[in-house]
Amino acid sequence: MELSNLRPAEGSKQSDNFRRGRGHGSGNGKTAGKGHKGQKARSGAPRPGFEGGQMPLYRRIPKRGFKNRNSLEIVTINVSELSRFRAGSTVDAAALKKAGLIEDACDGIKILGYGELSKKLNVKVNAYSASAKEKIEAAGGSAEVV
């Protein structure tokens, strides 16, 4: 047996595109797969999450805080952490990821001015603090906004 030969068991896989309520001969007539009577058998059945008038779960549990869906995740890196790169090298998002300073999922990178930098680096990221830009340029490097 190989992965290319695997198939679902005979009769276990059913298509969901069959026509409901087209008579007994169709195999899915009369109640059209809804069983007999009851609220869920009728049209206008309650929405998902409705608990029959009881206070629903999504309203019972406490809500805390606010998550802005338009916010961006900006990763901050201090100037002192740039000293791990070789002098004269270009520091961009790919280089920072390879060095383990950032992860995949981030919307931008900002360099902050904490620490000292003694190497000449060409830094290309989204934003800089004023002190970070001064320190990079004072070391002979360039701070380019991408």
Protein backbone atom coordinates (compact mmCIF):
# COMPACT_ATOMS: atom_id res chain seq x y z
CA MET A 1 0.00 0.00 0.00
CA GLU A 2 1.26 3.44 -0.93
CA LEU A 3 -0.05 6.94 -0.29
CA SER A 4 -0.95 7.28 -3.96
CA ASN A 5 -3.25 4.26 -3.71
CA LEU A 6 -5.27 5.39 -0.68
CA ARG A 7 -8.99 5.84 -1.30
CA PRO A 8 -11.89 6.46 1.10
CA ALA A 9 -13.96 3.39 2.02
CA GLU A 10 -16.72 2.53 -0.43
CA GLY A 11 -19.87 4.50 0.39
CA SER A 12 -18.25 6.63 3.11
CA LYS A 13 -17.90 9.73 0.97
CA GLN A 14 -21.16 11.47 0.14
CA SER A 15 -21.75 14.42 -2.12
CA ASP A 16 -23.58 17.41 -0.67
CA ASN A 17 -25.04 18.50 -4.00
CA PHE A 18 -28.02 16.13 -4.13
CA ARG A 19 -31.54 17.47 -4.62
CA ARG A 20 -33.68 17.38 -1.49
CA GLY A 21 -37.43 16.91 -1.26
CA ARG A 22 -38.00 15.42 -4.72
CA GLY A 23 -40.16 12.46 -3.72
CA HIS A 24 -39.63 9.08 -2.07
CA GLY A 25 -37.83 7.65 -5.07
CA SER A 26 -34.99 10.15 -4.71
CA GLY A 27 -34.03 8.68 -1.34
CA ASN A 28 -34.29 12.09 0.24
CA GLY A 29 -37.90 13.06 -0.20
CA LYS A 30 -40.76 13.77 2.21
CA THR A 31 -38.93 15.45 5.11
CA ALA A 32 -35.86 16.27 2.98
CA GLY A 33 -33.35 15.11 5.58
CA LYS A 34 -34.80 17.25 8.39
CA GLY A 35 -36.46 14.48 10.38
CA HIS A 36 -39.99 14.87 11.78
CA LYS A 37 -41.42 18.14 13.13
CA GLY A 38 -39.56 20.28 15.64
CA GLN A 39 -38.16 23.79 15.38
CA LYS A 40 -35.16 22.78 13.27
CA ALA A 41 -37.39 21.05 10.73
CA ARG A 42 -39.26 24.25 9.93
CA SER A 43 -38.24 27.24 7.89
CA GLY A 44 -36.91 30.16 9.92
CA ALA A 45 -35.07 27.91 12.36
CA PRO A 46 -33.08 29.91 14.94
CA ARG A 47 -29.71 31.44 14.11
CA PRO A 48 -26.48 29.73 15.20
CA GLY A 49 -25.79 30.39 18.88
CA PHE A 50 -29.47 30.81 19.81
CA GLU A 51 -30.20 28.98 23.09
CA GLY A 52 -33.98 29.10 23.23
CA GLY A 53 -34.24 32.43 25.03
CA GLN A 54 -31.58 31.61 27.60
CA MET A 55 -28.80 34.21 27.75
CA PRO A 56 -26.43 32.90 25.07
CA LEU A 57 -22.85 31.95 25.82
CA TYR A 58 -21.32 34.77 23.80
CA ARG A 59 -23.22 37.26 25.98
CA ARG A 60 -22.66 35.44 29.30
CA ILE A 61 -18.87 35.45 29.22
CA PRO A 62 -17.04 38.66 30.22
CA LYS A 63 -15.55 40.90 27.57
CA ARG A 64 -12.24 42.60 28.28
CA GLY A 65 -10.41 45.27 26.35
CA PHE A 66 -10.50 46.26 22.74
CA LYS A 67 -8.67 44.84 19.73
CA ASN A 68 -8.33 47.34 16.92
CA ARG A 69 -8.58 45.43 13.65
CA ASN A 70 -6.73 48.19 11.81
CA SER A 71 -3.67 48.23 14.08
CA LEU A 72 -0.27 47.33 12.71
CA GLU A 73 2.27 45.14 14.46
CA ILE A 74 5.50 47.13 14.45
CA VAL A 75 8.57 45.28 15.73
CA THR A 76 11.09 47.45 17.58
CA ILE A 77 14.82 46.74 17.59
CA ASN A 78 17.45 48.69 19.53
CA VAL A 79 20.62 50.06 17.93
CA SER A 80 22.68 47.92 20.33
CA GLU A 81 21.30 44.75 18.70
CA LEU A 82 22.61 45.82 15.29
CA SER A 83 26.18 45.33 16.53
CA ARG A 84 25.91 41.59 15.78
CA PHE A 85 26.12 42.34 12.03
CA ARG A 86 29.46 42.67 10.21
CA ALA A 87 30.72 46.16 9.40
CA GLY A 88 29.64 47.36 5.95
CA SER A 89 26.77 44.89 5.66
CA THR A 90 23.22 45.75 4.67
CA VAL A 91 20.62 45.27 7.41
CA ASP A 92 17.10 44.76 6.09
CA ALA A 93 14.08 42.63 7.02
CA ALA A 94 15.59 39.47 5.53
CA ALA A 95 18.87 39.95 7.42
CA LEU A 96 17.04 40.64 10.69
CA LYS A 97 14.93 37.51 10.24
CA LYS A 98 18.00 35.40 9.50
CA ALA A 99 19.67 36.77 12.66
CA GLY A 100 16.58 35.80 14.71
CA LEU A 101 15.66 39.35 15.70
CA ILE A 102 12.22 39.30 14.03
CA GLU A 103 9.63 36.72 13.05
CA ASP A 104 7.62 36.34 9.84
CA ALA A 105 4.41 38.06 10.87
CA CYS A 106 5.09 41.75 11.33
CA ASP A 107 3.83 44.83 9.51
CA GLY A 108 6.91 46.99 10.00
CA ILE A 109 10.28 47.39 11.71
CA LYS A 110 11.42 50.42 13.73
CA ILE A 111 14.94 50.99 15.01
CA LEU A 112 15.17 52.62 18.46
CA GLY A 113 18.16 54.50 19.82
CA TYR A 114 18.98 52.49 22.98
CA GLY A 115 22.63 51.42 23.13
CA GLU A 116 25.71 52.21 21.09
CA LEU A 117 26.80 51.35 17.56
CA SER A 118 30.43 51.38 16.44
CA LYS A 119 30.11 49.67 13.04
CA LYS A 120 29.26 51.16 9.67
CA LEU A 121 25.96 49.58 8.54
CA ASN A 122 23.50 50.26 5.74
CA VAL A 123 20.14 49.90 7.48
CA LYS A 124 16.94 49.65 5.42
CA VAL A 125 13.76 49.40 7.51
CA ASN A 126 10.37 51.13 7.82
CA ALA A 127 11.10 53.68 10.57
CA TYR A 128 13.76 55.09 12.90
CA SER A 129 13.70 57.13 16.06
CA ALA A 130 15.64 60.38 15.79
CA SER A 131 18.39 59.17 18.15
CA ALA A 132 18.74 55.87 16.29
CA LYS A 133 19.18 57.64 12.97
CA GLU A 134 21.85 59.91 14.51
CA LYS A 135 23.79 56.95 15.97
CA ILE A 136 23.72 54.97 12.71
CA GLU A 137 24.91 57.96 10.69
CA ALA A 138 27.50 58.92 13.33
CA ALA A 139 29.06 55.47 12.94
CA GLY A 140 29.40 56.14 9.19
CA GLY A 141 26.42 54.11 8.07
CA SER A 142 23.20 55.03 6.30
CA ALA A 143 19.61 54.87 7.56
CA GLU A 144 17.26 54.40 4.60
CA VAL A 145 13.47 54.27 4.96
CA VAL A 146 11.93 51.47 2.90
